[in-house]
Amino acid sequence: AAAKAGERVQFIRYSGGAENIEDPLQVLDKGLPIDYEWYLTNQLKQPILKLFEMVMSKTDAERKLFSLSARCAGTGAKVKQQHKPQNGMMARFVTAAARCLSCNE
């Protein structure tokens, strides 16, 4: 049955598909990968930033919480997590860091 005006429709957005929304039970049954990045970016990020704007600027909050440089904060730039080597002589001197794919900071 079609949804009525004002009725909540349950769906989950999953990764890898043109029409990437599906009924939650179908996502579980089919083992589809949930698009966590979409939920973080489109559902959680703005409310979290609003909360932190009470104590810092939006740019600072976005940079500190979402690992973007000040220049790219708010642009939707993607971040690549760089991993720390686990062994070898230099492992204890190297730290893991996130790097913005737009500005390389």
N, C-alpha and C. Protein backbone atom coordinates (compact mmCIF):
# COMPACT_ATOMS: atom_id res chain seq x y z
N ALA A 1 0.85 -1.19 0.00
CA ALA A 1 0.00 0.00 0.00
C ALA A 1 0.89 1.25 0.00
N ALA A 2 0.41 2.26 -0.67
CA ALA A 2 1.16 3.52 -0.76
C ALA A 2 1.09 4.26 0.57
N ALA A 3 2.14 5.00 0.85
CA ALA A 3 2.18 5.79 2.08
C ALA A 3 1.22 6.97 1.97
N LYS A 4 0.63 7.33 3.08
CA LYS A 4 -0.28 8.48 3.14
C LYS A 4 0.50 9.70 3.59
N ALA A 5 -0.03 10.89 3.31
CA ALA A 5 0.61 12.14 3.71
C ALA A 5 0.85 12.14 5.21
N GLY A 6 2.07 12.49 5.62
CA GLY A 6 2.43 12.57 7.03
C GLY A 6 2.81 11.24 7.65
N GLU A 7 2.69 10.15 6.90
CA GLU A 7 3.03 8.82 7.42
C GLU A 7 4.53 8.58 7.30
N ARG A 8 5.11 7.99 8.30
CA ARG A 8 6.55 7.68 8.28
C ARG A 8 6.79 6.40 7.49
N VAL A 9 7.74 6.48 6.57
CA VAL A 9 8.10 5.34 5.75
C VAL A 9 9.46 4.84 6.20
N GLN A 10 9.55 3.57 6.53
CA GLN A 10 10.82 3.03 6.99
C GLN A 10 11.65 2.57 5.79
N PHE A 11 12.87 3.02 5.75
CA PHE A 11 13.81 2.58 4.73
C PHE A 11 15.21 2.74 5.26
N ILE A 12 16.13 2.05 4.64
CA ILE A 12 17.55 2.18 4.96
C ILE A 12 18.28 2.46 3.66
N ARG A 13 19.18 3.41 3.72
CA ARG A 13 20.01 3.72 2.56
C ARG A 13 21.22 2.79 2.61
N TYR A 14 21.49 2.11 1.48
CA TYR A 14 22.63 1.20 1.43
C TYR A 14 23.61 1.64 0.36
N SER A 15 24.83 1.16 0.44
CA SER A 15 25.91 1.52 -0.48
C SER A 15 25.81 0.72 -1.77
N GLY A 16 26.19 1.38 -2.87
CA GLY A 16 26.37 0.66 -4.13
C GLY A 16 25.12 0.37 -4.90
N GLY A 17 24.46 1.35 -5.38
CA GLY A 17 23.30 1.13 -6.23
C GLY A 17 22.68 2.44 -6.63
N ALA A 18 22.05 2.47 -7.80
CA ALA A 18 21.43 3.70 -8.26
C ALA A 18 20.22 4.04 -7.39
N GLU A 19 19.38 3.08 -7.14
CA GLU A 19 18.23 3.25 -6.25
C GLU A 19 18.60 2.61 -4.92
N ASN A 20 19.40 3.31 -4.13
CA ASN A 20 20.00 2.68 -2.96
C ASN A 20 19.22 2.88 -1.66
N ILE A 21 17.91 2.75 -1.71
CA ILE A 21 17.10 2.71 -0.49
C ILE A 21 16.27 1.44 -0.53
N GLU A 22 16.05 0.87 0.64
CA GLU A 22 15.36 -0.42 0.69
C GLU A 22 14.71 -0.57 2.05
N ASP A 23 13.72 -1.42 2.12
CA ASP A 23 13.07 -1.78 3.37
C ASP A 23 14.12 -2.38 4.32
N PRO A 24 14.10 -2.02 5.61
CA PRO A 24 15.11 -2.52 6.54
C PRO A 24 15.23 -4.05 6.57
N LEU A 25 14.12 -4.76 6.50
CA LEU A 25 14.19 -6.22 6.51
C LEU A 25 14.85 -6.76 5.25
N GLN A 26 14.62 -6.11 4.12
CA GLN A 26 15.26 -6.54 2.87
C GLN A 26 16.78 -6.32 2.93
N VAL A 27 17.18 -5.20 3.55
CA VAL A 27 18.62 -4.92 3.69
C VAL A 27 19.28 -6.04 4.50
N LEU A 28 18.63 -6.44 5.59
CA LEU A 28 19.17 -7.52 6.41
C LEU A 28 19.16 -8.85 5.66
N ASP A 29 18.04 -9.17 5.01
CA ASP A 29 17.93 -10.45 4.29
C ASP A 29 18.94 -10.56 3.15
N LYS A 30 19.15 -9.46 2.43
CA LYS A 30 20.05 -9.47 1.28
C LYS A 30 21.51 -9.21 1.67
N GLY A 31 21.75 -8.83 2.93
CA GLY A 31 23.11 -8.54 3.38
C GLY A 31 23.70 -7.31 2.71
N LEU A 32 22.86 -6.31 2.42
CA LEU A 32 23.33 -5.10 1.74
C LEU A 32 24.14 -4.23 2.71
N PRO A 33 25.21 -3.60 2.25
CA PRO A 33 26.03 -2.75 3.13
C PRO A 33 25.35 -1.40 3.37
N ILE A 34 25.13 -1.06 4.62
CA ILE A 34 24.49 0.21 4.98
C ILE A 34 25.44 1.36 4.67
N ASP A 35 24.90 2.44 4.12
CA ASP A 35 25.70 3.61 3.76
C ASP A 35 25.87 4.51 4.99
N TYR A 36 26.78 4.12 5.88
CA TYR A 36 27.00 4.84 7.13
C TYR A 36 27.44 6.28 6.88
N GLU A 37 28.26 6.48 5.87
CA GLU A 37 28.75 7.83 5.57
C GLU A 37 27.61 8.78 5.25
N TRP A 38 26.61 8.31 4.51
CA TRP A 38 25.45 9.15 4.19
C TRP A 38 24.72 9.55 5.47
N TYR A 39 24.51 8.60 6.39
CA TYR A 39 23.82 8.91 7.64
C TYR A 39 24.61 9.91 8.48
N LEU A 40 25.92 9.73 8.55
CA LEU A 40 26.74 10.67 9.32
C LEU A 40 26.70 12.06 8.71
N THR A 41 26.82 12.14 7.40
CA THR A 41 26.87 13.43 6.72
C THR A 41 25.51 14.13 6.67
N ASN A 42 24.45 13.39 6.38
CA ASN A 42 23.16 14.00 6.12
C ASN A 42 22.18 13.97 7.28
N GLN A 43 22.40 13.13 8.26
CA GLN A 43 21.46 13.04 9.37
C GLN A 43 22.05 13.50 10.71
N LEU A 44 23.32 13.24 10.94
CA LEU A 44 23.91 13.50 12.26
C LEU A 44 24.83 14.72 12.31
N LYS A 45 25.51 15.01 11.24
CA LYS A 45 26.55 16.03 11.25
C LYS A 45 26.02 17.42 11.65
N GLN A 46 24.96 17.88 11.00
CA GLN A 46 24.46 19.23 11.28
C GLN A 46 23.96 19.40 12.72
N PRO A 47 23.17 18.47 13.28
CA PRO A 47 22.78 18.61 14.69
C PRO A 47 23.98 18.62 15.65
N ILE A 48 24.99 17.80 15.35
CA ILE A 48 26.19 17.77 16.20
C ILE A 48 26.93 19.10 16.12
N LEU A 49 27.07 19.64 14.90
CA LEU A 49 27.74 20.94 14.74
C LEU A 49 26.97 22.05 15.46
N LYS A 50 25.64 22.02 15.38
CA LYS A 50 24.82 23.02 16.10
C LYS A 50 25.09 22.99 17.59
N LEU A 51 25.22 21.80 18.13
CA LEU A 51 25.50 21.64 19.56
C LEU A 51 26.85 22.27 19.91
N PHE A 52 27.88 22.01 19.12
CA PHE A 52 29.22 22.51 19.41
C PHE A 52 29.39 23.99 19.06
N GLU A 53 28.50 24.55 18.23
CA GLU A 53 28.58 25.98 17.92
C GLU A 53 28.36 26.86 19.15
N MET A 54 27.83 26.27 20.22
CA MET A 54 27.65 27.04 21.45
C MET A 54 28.98 27.36 22.11
N VAL A 55 30.02 26.57 21.80
CA VAL A 55 31.31 26.77 22.46
C VAL A 55 32.47 27.03 21.50
N MET A 56 32.24 26.91 20.18
CA MET A 56 33.29 27.19 19.19
C MET A 56 32.64 27.49 17.85
N SER A 57 33.43 27.98 16.93
CA SER A 57 32.89 28.28 15.61
C SER A 57 32.53 26.98 14.89
N LYS A 58 31.64 27.09 13.91
CA LYS A 58 31.24 25.92 13.13
C LYS A 58 32.44 25.32 12.40
N THR A 59 33.31 26.18 11.87
CA THR A 59 34.50 25.72 11.15
C THR A 59 35.41 24.93 12.09
N ASP A 60 35.64 25.45 13.30
CA ASP A 60 36.49 24.73 14.26
C ASP A 60 35.86 23.41 14.67
N ALA A 61 34.56 23.43 14.91
CA ALA A 61 33.87 22.20 15.30
C ALA A 61 33.95 21.16 14.19
N GLU A 62 33.73 21.59 12.96
CA GLU A 62 33.79 20.65 11.84
C GLU A 62 35.19 20.09 11.65
N ARG A 63 36.19 20.94 11.79
CA ARG A 63 37.57 20.49 11.64
C ARG A 63 37.95 19.50 12.74
N LYS A 64 37.58 19.82 13.98
CA LYS A 64 37.95 18.96 15.11
C LYS A 64 37.15 17.66 15.15
N LEU A 65 35.87 17.74 14.81
CA LEU A 65 35.02 16.56 14.92
C LEU A 65 35.04 15.69 13.67
N PHE A 66 35.22 16.30 12.52
CA PHE A 66 35.11 15.55 11.27
C PHE A 66 36.40 15.55 10.47
N SER A 67 37.51 15.96 11.08
CA SER A 67 38.85 15.87 10.52
C SER A 67 39.04 16.53 9.16
N LEU A 68 38.47 17.70 8.98
CA LEU A 68 38.69 18.45 7.75
C LEU A 68 39.51 19.68 8.05
N SER A 69 40.25 20.14 7.09
CA SER A 69 40.99 21.37 7.27
C SER A 69 40.00 22.53 7.31
N ALA A 70 40.38 23.64 7.88
CA ALA A 70 39.51 24.81 7.97
C ALA A 70 39.08 25.27 6.58
N ARG A 71 39.95 25.12 5.61
CA ARG A 71 39.64 25.57 4.25
C ARG A 71 38.53 24.74 3.62
N CYS A 72 38.45 23.46 3.93
CA CYS A 72 37.48 22.57 3.29
C CYS A 72 36.25 22.31 4.15
N ALA A 73 36.22 22.78 5.38
CA ALA A 73 35.08 22.55 6.25
C ALA A 73 33.82 23.13 5.61
N GLY A 74 32.76 22.34 5.56
CA GLY A 74 31.50 22.78 5.01
C GLY A 74 31.37 22.58 3.51
N THR A 75 32.39 22.06 2.85
CA THR A 75 32.34 21.89 1.40
C THR A 75 31.92 20.49 1.00
N GLY A 76 31.83 19.57 1.94
CA GLY A 76 31.49 18.19 1.61
C GLY A 76 32.69 17.40 1.11
N ALA A 77 33.89 17.92 1.35
CA ALA A 77 35.11 17.25 0.90
C ALA A 77 35.24 15.89 1.59
N LYS A 78 35.82 14.96 0.90
CA LYS A 78 36.03 13.61 1.43
C LYS A 78 37.36 13.54 2.18
N VAL A 79 37.40 12.68 3.18
CA VAL A 79 38.59 12.51 4.00
C VAL A 79 39.08 11.07 3.88
N LYS A 80 40.39 10.91 3.76
CA LYS A 80 41.00 9.59 3.72
C LYS A 80 41.80 9.41 5.01
N GLN A 81 41.53 8.34 5.72
CA GLN A 81 42.26 8.05 6.96
C GLN A 81 43.58 7.38 6.60
N GLN A 82 44.67 7.95 7.06
CA GLN A 82 45.97 7.33 6.85
C GLN A 82 46.30 6.49 8.07
N HIS A 83 46.72 5.28 7.83
CA HIS A 83 46.97 4.35 8.92
C HIS A 83 48.42 4.37 9.38
N LYS A 84 48.60 4.13 10.64
CA LYS A 84 49.93 4.09 11.25
C LYS A 84 50.54 2.71 11.06
N PRO A 85 51.80 2.65 10.66
CA PRO A 85 52.45 1.34 10.56
C PRO A 85 52.53 0.69 11.94
N GLN A 86 52.33 -0.61 12.00
CA GLN A 86 52.30 -1.32 13.27
C GLN A 86 53.67 -1.81 13.73
N ASN A 87 54.59 -2.00 12.79
CA ASN A 87 55.90 -2.49 13.20
C ASN A 87 56.99 -1.82 12.35
N GLY A 88 58.19 -2.05 12.72
CA GLY A 88 59.32 -1.43 12.04
C GLY A 88 59.91 -0.34 12.91
N MET A 89 61.09 0.12 12.53
CA MET A 89 61.82 1.10 13.34
C MET A 89 61.07 2.43 13.49
N MET A 90 60.37 2.87 12.46
CA MET A 90 59.73 4.18 12.49
C MET A 90 58.32 4.14 13.07
N ALA A 91 57.76 2.98 13.36
CA ALA A 91 56.38 2.86 13.79
C ALA A 91 56.06 3.71 15.03
N ARG A 92 56.97 3.79 15.97
CA ARG A 92 56.67 4.56 17.19
C ARG A 92 56.81 6.07 17.00
N PHE A 93 57.34 6.50 15.87
CA PHE A 93 57.49 7.93 15.59
C PHE A 93 56.42 8.48 14.65
N VAL A 94 55.64 7.59 14.05
CA VAL A 94 54.64 7.98 13.06
C VAL A 94 53.26 7.94 13.71
N THR A 95 52.44 8.94 13.43
CA THR A 95 51.08 8.95 13.95
C THR A 95 50.10 8.87 12.79
N ALA A 96 48.95 8.25 13.03
CA ALA A 96 47.90 8.18 12.02
C ALA A 96 47.21 9.54 11.95
N ALA A 97 46.77 9.90 10.76
CA ALA A 97 46.09 11.18 10.58
C ALA A 97 45.10 11.07 9.44
N ALA A 98 44.07 11.91 9.50
CA ALA A 98 43.12 12.01 8.39
C ALA A 98 43.64 13.07 7.43
N ARG A 99 43.41 12.85 6.15
CA ARG A 99 43.87 13.80 5.14
C ARG A 99 42.70 14.12 4.22
N CYS A 100 42.45 15.41 4.01
CA CYS A 100 41.40 15.88 3.13
C CYS A 100 41.82 15.59 1.68
N LEU A 101 40.95 14.95 0.91
CA LEU A 101 41.27 14.61 -0.47
C LEU A 101 41.16 15.82 -1.39
N SER A 102 40.53 16.90 -0.95
CA SER A 102 40.42 18.10 -1.78
C SER A 102 41.65 18.98 -1.70
N CYS A 103 42.10 19.27 -0.48
CA CYS A 103 43.22 20.20 -0.32
C CYS A 103 44.50 19.50 0.13
N ASN A 104 44.40 18.20 0.42
CA ASN A 104 45.55 17.39 0.85
C ASN A 104 46.11 17.82 2.20
N GLU A 105 45.31 18.46 3.03
CA GLU A 105 45.76 18.86 4.38
C GLU A 105 45.31 17.82 5.38
